[in-house]
Protein backbone atom coordinates (compact mmCIF):
# COMPACT_ATOMS: atom_id res chain seq x y z
CA MET A 1 0.18 0.26 -0.01
CA ARG A 2 3.19 2.08 0.86
CA ASN A 3 4.42 1.59 -2.45
CA ILE A 4 1.23 2.45 -4.86
CA ALA A 5 0.46 5.82 -2.33
CA GLY A 6 4.24 6.38 -2.59
CA GLY A 7 3.67 6.35 -6.39
CA VAL A 8 0.76 8.13 -6.87
CA LEU A 9 2.85 11.24 -5.04
CA VAL A 10 5.27 10.77 -7.33
CA VAL A 11 3.39 10.80 -10.71
CA ALA A 12 1.73 13.90 -9.33
CA ALA A 13 4.94 15.98 -8.06
CA ALA A 14 5.85 15.45 -11.68
CA ILE A 15 2.61 16.48 -13.37
CA THR A 16 2.64 19.49 -10.97
CA CYS A 17 5.99 20.00 -12.37
CA MET A 18 5.03 19.81 -15.79
CA ILE A 19 2.23 22.08 -14.86
CA ALA A 20 4.21 24.42 -13.35
CA SER A 21 7.35 24.87 -16.04
CA ALA A 22 4.66 24.93 -18.71
CA VAL A 23 2.42 27.63 -17.34
CA GLY A 24 5.53 29.61 -15.43
CA ARG A 25 7.13 29.69 -19.24
CA GLU A 26 7.60 33.45 -20.31
CA VAL A 27 5.87 34.44 -23.67
CA ASN A 28 8.03 35.21 -26.92
CA TYR A 29 6.65 38.48 -27.61
CA VAL A 30 7.68 39.84 -31.62
CA GLN A 31 7.22 43.37 -32.92
CA THR A 32 4.91 43.47 -35.47
CA GLY A 33 3.93 46.86 -35.94
CA CYS A 34 5.67 50.70 -34.79
CA GLU A 35 3.37 53.55 -34.86
CA ILE A 36 4.70 57.57 -34.10
CA SER A 37 2.01 60.33 -32.91
CA GLU A 38 4.80 62.96 -33.27
CA SER A 39 4.20 64.87 -29.63
CA TYR A 40 1.52 62.40 -28.85
CA PHE A 41 2.72 58.46 -28.71
CA ALA A 42 5.02 56.04 -29.93
CA TYR A 43 3.16 52.42 -30.53
CA ILE A 44 5.22 49.76 -30.70
CA TYR A 45 2.38 46.46 -31.55
CA MET A 46 3.54 42.68 -30.82
CA VAL A 47 1.93 39.42 -30.59
CA PRO A 48 3.28 36.10 -29.45
CA GLU A 49 6.25 34.74 -31.36
CA SER A 50 3.40 31.78 -31.84
CA ASP A 51 1.14 34.09 -32.98
CA VAL A 52 3.55 36.25 -36.13
CA GLY A 53 1.13 35.68 -39.12
CA ASP A 54 -2.07 35.61 -38.29
CA PRO A 55 -3.80 38.10 -39.00
CA LYS A 56 -6.31 36.98 -36.45
CA ALA A 57 -4.00 37.07 -33.43
CA ARG A 58 -4.22 39.60 -30.51
CA LYS A 59 -2.10 42.61 -30.11
CA TYR A 60 -0.39 44.01 -27.51
CA SER A 61 1.51 47.53 -27.21
CA VAL A 62 4.19 49.57 -25.59
CA GLU A 63 3.45 53.10 -25.28
CA PHE A 64 5.80 55.44 -25.19
CA ASN A 65 4.66 59.32 -24.17
CA PRO A 66 5.85 62.41 -22.45
CA GLU A 67 5.00 60.87 -19.43
CA ARG A 68 5.39 57.45 -18.99
CA VAL A 69 5.72 54.44 -20.45
CA LEU A 70 2.51 52.39 -20.52
CA VAL A 71 2.56 48.68 -20.69
CA ARG A 72 -0.37 46.56 -22.34
CA PHE A 73 0.27 42.52 -22.48
CA ARG A 74 -2.35 40.69 -21.15
CA PRO A 75 -2.96 39.96 -17.85
CA ALA A 76 -0.83 43.18 -17.10
CA TYR A 77 -0.94 46.37 -17.53
CA TYR A 78 1.72 49.15 -16.11
CA ALA A 79 2.52 52.08 -16.51
CA LEU A 80 5.94 53.19 -15.65
CA LYS A 81 8.21 56.42 -15.02
CA TRP A 82 10.82 57.86 -16.54
CA ASP A 83 12.40 58.67 -13.81
CA GLU A 84 12.07 55.38 -12.68
CA THR A 85 12.89 53.41 -15.97
CA VAL A 86 15.98 52.22 -17.42
CA VAL A 87 15.37 51.17 -21.39
CA ALA A 88 17.45 48.27 -22.05
CA VAL A 89 17.69 47.30 -26.05
CA GLU A 90 19.78 45.23 -26.38
CA TYR A 91 21.14 44.16 -30.28
CA ARG A 92 21.72 40.26 -31.71
CA GLY A 93 25.49 41.86 -32.86
CA ALA A 94 26.38 45.02 -34.49
CA ASN A 95 25.33 44.92 -37.37
CA SER A 96 21.55 43.34 -36.68
CA ASP A 97 18.34 44.72 -36.98
CA GLU A 98 17.04 42.58 -33.91
CA ALA A 99 17.37 43.62 -30.86
CA ILE A 100 15.40 42.83 -27.51
CA LEU A 101 13.12 45.69 -25.78
CA SER A 102 13.13 45.12 -21.87
CA PHE A 103 13.06 47.40 -18.77
CA ARG A 104 14.49 48.03 -15.63
CA LYS A 105 14.39 49.65 -12.23
CA TYR A 106 16.62 52.49 -12.28
CA GLY A 107 18.95 52.75 -10.23
CA PHE A 108 19.30 49.11 -9.28
CA SER A 109 22.03 46.77 -9.84
CA THR A 110 23.35 46.36 -13.75
CA ASN A 111 22.39 42.76 -12.57
CA THR A 112 19.06 42.56 -11.80
CA ARG A 113 16.63 40.90 -13.89
CA PRO A 114 14.92 43.00 -16.67
CA ARG A 115 11.41 42.81 -17.55
CA VAL A 116 12.13 42.01 -20.89
CA ILE A 117 9.26 42.80 -23.36
CA GLY A 118 10.45 41.04 -26.56
CA GLU A 119 12.03 40.87 -29.88
CA ILE A 120 12.06 44.19 -31.53
CA ARG A 121 14.20 46.01 -34.96
CA ARG A 122 16.41 48.78 -35.04
CA ASP A 123 14.03 51.43 -37.91
CA CYS A 124 11.23 51.24 -35.32
CA TRP A 125 13.84 51.81 -31.89
CA GLU A 126 15.33 54.27 -34.17
CA ARG A 127 12.06 56.33 -35.00
CA VAL A 128 11.31 55.36 -31.11
CA LYS A 129 14.18 56.94 -29.67
CA GLY A 130 13.32 60.03 -32.07
CA TYR A 131 10.31 60.20 -30.44
CA ILE A 132 11.40 60.16 -27.27
CA SER A 133 14.52 62.63 -27.02
CA ARG A 134 12.20 65.31 -29.29
CA ASN A 135 8.80 65.18 -26.34
CA VAL A 136 10.24 63.35 -22.83
CA HIS A 137 11.73 66.46 -21.26
CA ILE A 138 13.21 65.09 -18.39
CA PRO A 139 16.12 62.33 -18.90
CA VAL A 140 15.96 59.42 -20.01
CA HIS A 141 17.87 56.09 -18.96
CA ILE A 142 18.06 54.45 -21.87
CA VAL A 143 21.09 51.53 -22.54
CA GLU A 144 21.62 50.33 -26.03
CA THR A 145 24.07 47.26 -25.97
CA VAL A 146 25.53 44.63 -28.38
CA SER A 147 24.91 41.11 -27.30
CA GLY A 148 28.28 38.41 -28.31
CA VAL A 149 26.37 36.41 -30.42
């Protein structure tokens, strides 16, 4: 009887671990659009990587406006204050068109795990960065790096 109970517990634990790893897995988002409305906002539209090419895929957005950054991903919606946020863009290579956009709390160690948003393209980021420089009138912390890949 103990062997059966022990076996049931082992199977239950294994199933729980598999479910937790599947649920806890972060979704990879990919840019699908970029919209700049001078002096009002700059949007980067994104979809989960698994939905790329699906015209009915639910779109998510990151909005940059003069007051804050708004991240709208289901189920999360949060606003980041410019003076408390580091916008990090990590290009895959020196000449790469692809980069990973993430945010980190300003003033925290650079070893602090950033909140990864997803993959964006260089032309969109350059347009968003130009929008930020023209319309955000407080210091903005932007870090651009190139990975060794």
